Protein backbone atom coordinates (compact mmCIF):
# COMPACT_ATOMS: atom_id res chain seq x y z
CA MET A 1 -19.81 53.95 115.59
CA PRO A 2 -21.34 57.45 115.60
CA PRO A 3 -23.76 58.23 112.74
CA ILE A 4 -21.37 60.82 111.29
CA PHE A 5 -18.81 58.07 110.69
CA ASP A 6 -21.37 55.93 108.83
CA LEU A 7 -22.27 58.92 106.67
CA PHE A 8 -18.58 59.47 105.93
CA VAL A 9 -18.12 55.82 104.87
CA LYS A 10 -21.26 56.02 102.73
CA GLU A 11 -19.97 59.12 100.91
CA VAL A 12 -16.60 57.49 100.22
CA LYS A 13 -18.33 54.41 98.78
CA LEU A 14 -20.52 56.57 96.54
CA ILE A 15 -17.44 58.31 95.14
CA ALA A 16 -15.56 55.03 94.72
CA ARG A 17 -18.41 53.55 92.65
CA ARG A 18 -18.18 56.36 90.08
CA LYS A 19 -14.99 55.64 88.21
CA SER A 20 -15.26 58.79 86.09
CA ILE A 21 -15.29 60.92 89.25
CA LEU A 22 -12.24 59.07 90.55
CA PHE A 23 -10.57 59.89 87.25
CA PHE A 24 -11.23 63.61 87.74
CA LEU A 25 -10.07 63.53 91.35
CA ILE A 26 -6.72 62.05 90.31
CA PHE A 27 -6.24 63.49 86.81
CA ILE A 28 -7.05 67.16 87.45
CA PRO A 29 -4.46 67.83 90.19
CA LEU A 30 -1.82 65.82 88.32
CA PHE A 31 -2.47 67.61 85.02
CA PHE A 32 -2.64 71.17 86.30
CA GLY A 33 0.22 70.56 88.73
CA ALA A 34 2.40 69.44 85.84
CA ILE A 35 1.37 72.45 83.76
CA SER A 36 2.01 75.07 86.43
CA SER A 37 5.35 73.58 87.47
CA SER A 38 6.56 73.35 83.86
CA TYR A 39 6.29 77.13 83.41
CA LYS A 40 9.33 77.80 85.58
CA SER A 41 11.52 77.98 82.43
CA ALA A 42 8.99 78.36 79.66
CA VAL A 43 8.49 81.69 77.94
CA PRO A 44 10.18 82.49 75.68
CA GLY A 45 12.93 79.87 75.86
CA ASP A 46 10.93 77.10 74.12
CA THR A 47 9.41 79.22 71.34
CA PRO A 48 10.25 77.74 67.89
CA VAL A 49 12.38 80.11 65.82
CA ALA A 50 13.71 79.47 62.31
CA ILE A 51 17.31 80.46 61.50
CA VAL A 52 18.24 80.96 57.83
CA LEU A 53 21.99 81.30 57.29
CA ALA A 54 24.01 82.95 54.54
CA GLU A 55 26.11 80.59 52.39
CA ASN A 56 29.46 81.87 53.68
CA VAL A 57 28.83 81.03 57.36
CA SER A 58 31.37 78.57 58.78
CA GLN A 59 30.58 75.72 61.17
CA ASP A 60 32.06 77.68 64.08
CA ASP A 61 29.89 80.66 63.18
CA VAL A 62 26.82 78.40 63.03
CA TRP A 63 27.61 77.19 66.54
CA ALA A 64 27.94 80.79 67.79
CA ILE A 65 24.65 81.86 66.18
CA MET A 66 22.73 78.85 67.51
CA THR A 67 24.20 79.32 71.00
CA LEU A 68 22.96 82.91 71.05
CA ALA A 69 19.56 81.92 69.68
CA ARG A 70 19.11 79.26 72.38
CA THR A 71 19.23 81.97 75.05
CA PHE A 72 15.80 83.26 73.95
CA SER A 73 14.23 80.50 71.82
CA ASN A 74 14.23 76.96 70.51
CA PRO A 75 16.08 77.55 67.21
CA HIS A 76 15.80 75.40 64.07
CA LEU A 77 18.17 75.66 61.11
CA VAL A 78 16.09 75.97 57.92
CA PRO A 79 17.61 75.58 54.42
CA ASN A 80 16.11 78.69 52.79
CA LEU A 81 13.91 81.70 53.44
CA THR A 82 10.90 80.37 51.49
CA VAL A 83 10.66 77.24 53.64
CA ALA A 84 11.09 79.33 56.79
CA LEU A 85 8.36 81.83 55.84
CA ASN A 86 6.00 78.98 54.93
CA GLY A 87 6.66 77.58 58.39
CA LEU A 88 5.85 81.00 59.83
CA GLN A 89 2.48 80.96 58.04
CA ARG A 90 1.80 77.42 59.32
CA GLU A 91 2.78 78.42 62.90
CA GLU A 92 5.62 75.91 62.92
CA TYR A 93 7.84 78.88 63.78
CA TYR A 94 6.89 82.16 65.40
CA VAL A 95 9.91 84.19 64.29
CA VAL A 96 12.31 83.80 61.36
CA ILE A 97 15.83 85.23 61.64
CA GLU A 98 17.66 85.54 58.31
CA VAL A 99 21.44 85.96 58.54
CA ARG A 100 22.29 87.84 55.33
CA LYS A 101 25.93 88.57 56.08
CA PHE A 102 28.13 87.31 58.86
CA GLY A 103 31.52 88.52 59.96
CA GLY A 104 31.07 87.70 63.63
CA LEU A 105 28.02 88.12 65.83
CA GLU A 106 28.43 91.88 66.11
CA ALA A 107 29.42 92.43 62.48
CA GLY A 108 26.56 90.74 60.71
CA GLU A 109 23.35 91.72 58.95
CA TYR A 110 20.11 90.17 60.23
CA VAL A 111 16.45 90.39 59.23
CA VAL A 112 13.78 89.33 61.74
CA TYR A 113 10.48 88.24 60.18
CA TYR A 114 7.26 87.88 62.19
CA ASP A 115 3.57 87.48 61.42
CA ARG A 116 1.54 90.62 62.09
CA THR A 117 -1.69 88.58 62.33
CA MET A 118 -0.38 86.82 65.46
CA ASN A 119 -1.29 89.71 67.71
CA PRO A 120 0.29 88.35 70.94
CA VAL A 121 3.45 87.36 69.03
CA ALA A 122 3.97 90.70 67.30
CA SER A 123 4.75 92.57 70.51
CA ILE A 124 7.05 89.79 71.69
CA SER A 125 8.85 89.92 68.33
CA GLU A 126 9.49 93.62 68.82
CA ASN A 127 10.98 92.86 72.23
CA LEU A 128 13.14 90.19 70.59
CA ILE A 129 14.50 92.73 68.12
CA ARG A 130 15.41 95.07 70.96
CA LEU A 131 17.12 92.17 72.76
CA LEU A 132 19.15 91.30 69.66
CA ARG A 133 20.23 94.92 69.20
CA ILE A 134 21.48 94.99 72.78
CA GLU A 135 23.27 91.65 72.50
CA LEU A 136 24.77 92.27 69.04
CA LYS A 137 25.47 96.00 69.49
CA GLY A 138 27.08 97.03 66.18
CA ALA A 139 25.17 94.52 64.03
CA ARG A 140 22.61 95.70 61.50
CA ILE A 141 19.19 94.32 62.44
CA GLU A 142 16.02 94.92 60.44
CA SER A 143 12.46 93.84 61.20
CA ALA A 144 9.98 92.65 58.57
CA GLY A 145 6.37 91.91 59.42
CA ILE A 146 4.41 89.73 57.00
CA ASN A 147 0.61 89.84 56.46
CA ASP A 148 -1.68 92.67 57.55
CA LYS A 149 -1.97 93.48 61.23
CA VAL A 150 -5.23 92.46 62.93
CA SER A 151 -6.82 93.84 66.07
CA LEU A 152 -7.12 91.80 69.24
CA PRO A 153 -10.89 91.23 68.74
CA MET A 154 -10.11 89.94 65.25
CA PHE A 155 -7.36 87.66 66.54
CA PHE A 156 -9.74 86.10 69.09
CA LEU A 157 -12.55 85.49 66.56
CA PRO A 158 -11.31 82.09 65.24
CA GLY A 159 -10.99 80.82 68.81
CA ILE A 160 -14.45 82.14 69.70
CA LEU A 161 -16.03 80.32 66.75
CA LEU A 162 -14.30 77.05 67.62
CA PHE A 163 -15.35 77.49 71.24
CA ILE A 164 -18.97 77.91 70.14
CA SER A 165 -18.78 74.73 68.04
CA MET A 166 -17.28 72.90 71.04
CA MET A 167 -20.06 74.13 73.34
CA VAL A 168 -22.71 72.94 70.91
CA GLY A 169 -21.02 69.60 70.24
CA PHE A 170 -20.26 68.79 73.87
CA GLU A 171 -23.05 70.43 75.85
CA LEU A 172 -26.08 70.20 73.58
CA VAL A 173 -25.41 66.75 72.12
CA ALA A 174 -24.70 65.26 75.55
CA ASP A 175 -27.66 66.98 77.21
CA ASN A 176 -30.16 65.92 74.53
CA THR A 177 -28.85 62.36 74.45
CA ILE A 178 -28.94 61.93 78.23
CA SER A 179 -32.48 63.34 78.41
CA GLU A 180 -33.66 60.74 75.86
CA LYS A 181 -32.22 57.73 77.68
CA ASN A 182 -35.65 56.43 78.75
CA VAL A 183 -37.11 56.55 75.22
CA PHE A 184 -34.31 54.60 73.50
CA PRO A 185 -36.31 51.32 73.50
CA ARG A 186 -39.22 53.06 71.74
CA LEU A 187 -36.86 54.61 69.18
CA ARG A 188 -35.46 51.14 68.54
CA LEU A 189 -38.95 49.67 68.02
CA ALA A 190 -39.77 52.52 65.63
CA GLY A 191 -36.63 51.68 63.63
CA VAL A 192 -35.10 55.16 64.03
CA PHE A 193 -32.60 54.52 66.81
CA THR A 194 -29.52 55.07 64.60
CA GLU A 195 -31.17 57.81 62.57
CA ASN A 196 -31.90 59.73 65.78
CA PHE A 197 -28.16 60.06 66.49
CA VAL A 198 -27.30 60.85 62.87
CA VAL A 199 -29.82 63.70 62.68
CA ARG A 200 -28.57 65.06 66.01
CA VAL A 201 -24.99 65.22 64.78
CA ILE A 202 -25.93 66.68 61.37
CA ILE A 203 -28.08 69.50 62.78
CA MET A 204 -25.30 70.82 65.03
CA PRO A 205 -23.21 72.46 62.23
CA LEU A 206 -26.35 74.29 61.06
CA LEU A 207 -26.86 75.62 64.58
CA VAL A 208 -23.22 76.73 64.78
CA LEU A 209 -23.50 78.55 61.45
CA VAL A 210 -26.51 80.48 62.80
CA GLN A 211 -24.51 81.39 65.91
CA THR A 212 -21.57 82.42 63.73
CA LEU A 213 -23.87 84.78 61.84
CA LEU A 214 -24.93 86.34 65.14
CA VAL A 215 -21.29 86.84 66.15
CA LEU A 216 -20.55 88.51 62.81
CA ILE A 217 -23.52 90.83 63.26
CA ILE A 218 -22.22 91.86 66.68
CA TYR A 219 -18.73 92.46 65.27
CA HIS A 220 -20.26 94.57 62.49
CA LEU A 221 -22.27 96.64 64.99
CA MET A 222 -19.06 97.18 66.98
CA ASN A 223 -17.31 98.40 63.79
CA VAL A 224 -14.88 95.46 63.72
CA LYS A 225 -14.37 94.38 60.12
CA VAL A 226 -14.37 90.62 59.62
CA SER A 227 -14.59 88.34 56.62
CA ILE A 228 -15.29 84.61 56.50
CA ASP A 229 -14.71 82.53 53.38
CA ILE A 230 -15.55 78.97 52.40
CA GLY A 231 -12.33 77.71 54.02
CA VAL A 232 -13.31 79.06 57.44
CA VAL A 233 -16.83 77.63 57.12
CA THR A 234 -15.46 74.22 56.06
CA ILE A 235 -13.12 73.96 59.06
CA LEU A 236 -15.86 75.17 61.40
CA VAL A 237 -18.30 72.54 60.09
CA LEU A 238 -15.67 69.78 60.31
CA ASN A 239 -14.88 70.69 63.91
CA THR A 240 -18.54 70.90 64.90
CA LEU A 241 -18.96 67.37 63.55
CA LEU A 242 -15.83 66.32 65.45
CA PHE A 243 -17.05 67.80 68.75
CA SER A 244 -20.58 66.43 68.26
CA LEU A 245 -19.29 62.93 67.58
CA LEU A 246 -16.91 63.15 70.53
CA GLY A 247 -19.70 64.39 72.80
CA LEU A 248 -21.92 61.53 71.64
CA LEU A 249 -19.16 58.95 72.10
CA VAL A 250 -18.30 60.07 75.64
CA THR A 251 -22.00 60.08 76.57
CA MET A 252 -22.37 56.54 75.27
CA LEU A 253 -19.23 55.23 76.94
CA LEU A 254 -20.35 56.68 80.28
CA ARG A 255 -23.72 54.96 79.85
CA PHE A 256 -25.78 58.12 79.37
CA GLU A 257 -25.24 59.22 82.95
CA PRO A 258 -25.20 62.95 83.87
CA HIS A 259 -21.53 62.81 84.90
CA ALA A 260 -20.71 62.38 81.20
CA LYS A 261 -21.21 66.14 80.96
CA THR A 262 -18.73 66.66 83.80
CA PHE A 263 -16.15 64.71 81.83
CA LEU A 264 -16.89 66.75 78.70
CA HIS A 265 -16.54 70.03 80.63
CA VAL A 266 -13.07 69.00 81.79
CA LEU A 267 -12.20 67.84 78.28
CA MET A 268 -13.40 71.19 76.93
CA GLY A 269 -11.04 73.09 79.22
CA PHE A 270 -8.16 70.86 78.20
CA ILE A 271 -8.85 71.33 74.46
CA ILE A 272 -9.21 75.11 74.76
CA PHE A 273 -5.89 75.29 76.59
CA ILE A 274 -3.79 72.76 74.69
CA SER A 275 -5.03 73.62 71.18
CA GLY A 276 -4.01 77.28 71.33
CA LEU A 277 -7.46 78.62 70.52
CA PHE A 278 -6.72 81.95 72.20
CA TYR A 279 -2.96 81.90 72.83
CA PRO A 280 -0.16 80.60 70.58
CA VAL A 281 1.02 77.11 71.45
CA GLY A 282 4.60 78.12 70.65
CA PHE A 283 4.81 80.00 73.95
CA PHE A 284 4.00 76.88 75.97
CA PRO A 285 6.73 74.68 77.45
CA GLU A 286 8.12 72.30 74.84
CA VAL A 287 6.42 69.21 76.29
CA LEU A 288 3.01 70.90 75.99
CA GLN A 289 3.79 71.94 72.41
CA ARG A 290 4.36 68.28 71.55
CA ILE A 291 1.08 67.29 73.21
CA ALA A 292 -0.75 70.05 71.32
CA ARG A 293 0.48 68.76 67.97
CA LEU A 294 -1.08 65.38 68.74
CA THR A 295 -4.56 66.94 68.85
CA PRO A 296 -6.53 67.66 65.64
CA THR A 297 -7.97 70.81 67.21
CA TYR A 298 -4.51 72.43 67.26
CA TYR A 299 -4.43 72.23 63.46
CA SER A 300 -8.02 73.49 63.37
CA ALA A 301 -7.03 76.64 65.26
CA VAL A 302 -4.11 77.26 62.88
CA LEU A 303 -6.35 76.71 59.83
CA MET A 304 -9.02 79.09 61.11
CA ARG A 305 -6.44 81.84 61.63
CA ALA A 306 -4.77 81.11 58.30
CA PHE A 307 -7.96 81.17 56.21
CA MET A 308 -9.25 84.25 58.00
CA PHE A 309 -6.11 86.41 58.08
CA ARG A 310 -3.35 85.10 55.81
CA PRO A 311 -3.32 85.24 52.02
CA GLY A 312 -1.96 82.20 50.24
CA GLY A 313 -2.97 78.93 48.72
CA VAL A 314 -4.77 76.08 50.41
CA SER A 315 -1.95 73.79 49.26
CA LEU A 316 0.22 75.08 52.13
CA TYR A 317 -2.20 73.48 54.57
CA PHE A 318 -3.21 70.23 52.84
CA ASP A 319 -1.78 68.09 55.64
CA TYR A 320 -3.57 70.13 58.31
CA ILE A 321 -6.89 69.79 56.45
CA ALA A 322 -6.30 66.05 56.04
CA ILE A 323 -5.83 65.69 59.81
CA ASN A 324 -9.23 67.33 60.36
CA VAL A 325 -11.01 65.16 57.78
CA ILE A 326 -9.40 61.90 58.91
CA SER A 327 -10.23 62.67 62.55
CA VAL A 328 -13.93 63.10 61.72
CA VAL A 329 -13.98 59.91 59.63
CA LEU A 330 -12.25 57.80 62.29
CA LEU A 331 -14.45 59.15 65.07
CA SER A 332 -17.56 58.44 62.96
CA ILE A 333 -16.47 54.82 62.58
CA VAL A 334 -15.88 54.47 66.34
CA VAL A 335 -19.31 55.97 67.13
CA LEU A 336 -21.00 53.59 64.65
CA ILE A 337 -19.29 50.65 66.33
CA VAL A 338 -20.13 51.76 69.86
CA HIS A 339 -23.71 52.89 69.25
CA GLY A 340 -24.81 49.31 68.62
CA ARG A 341 -24.43 48.62 72.33
CA ALA A 342 -25.95 51.92 73.42
CA LEU A 343 -29.46 50.58 73.97
CA LYS A 344 -28.16 47.71 76.12
CA TRP A 345 -26.11 50.13 78.25
CA SER A 346 -29.07 52.48 78.68
CA VAL A 347 -31.19 49.84 80.41
CA GLN A 348 -28.49 48.40 82.66
């Protein structure tokens, strides 16, 4: 056989030995192929919209209203306006349509509520109102924006802060841990093997808070007014712990090899996309919305926007906060279980 053939066989064997690389080679085209093909009927047909009906609407009228709503959204009947507006604040719905009076589709009174803080959604909501006025012609349609409008730089800030915490948790934790692989036995002899990982995870939120301060200084110099309260800081710290623990776990499971960082880079792209850090999940295809709601970082993005832009009590988001806390606790337990074998893996 010619030497080029032997080199080809050698390269294939090298790839086949690295199971994580095989995972990327198969997973990435499957994942992004599924995403791109699913957008053929996505926006805005799968966007969750709440419908609040007047008491005098008959079953036939309900059917007519829902049929119309399905032409531009994924409508949900909600019992009253308070529940619907709470859902709007929690990003369960992106538009609320209140049917105040109904004497037929073109003889009714409608109010369309939307959240002004959701900058990308606000313009779409205005287009929706124009669409309804065309479809319903003689109907009376009003628009009502809730919360104060924010600029695009302001809207992106929560996502930027979470991205920074992800970079620190994935990149820095993995890089430092991989670089220390050869000194693990000495750390074990010194009795600080576990403490070394604990300190690494704990210091990351402090680093993220310093970076957050730098971002705020830049925003201030650019005359963009921002405010961060204890709620935003709490969610940011929780997520930095989550990303740091996840970065540490992946590095351990992949035996402290450099390709652990490759895996984390792919995972980072997936989380940024699926969690709606920079673009509302409600404008994804329905199947991706369901996947997003399985990730704790989706709720983190909602909480960051809520605490930064939307007035209201923390009680509206207790379940979202609980998901963040429980995720960190469970991941901590898994890391504690796995780290006991870390030294053995590092010398294999």
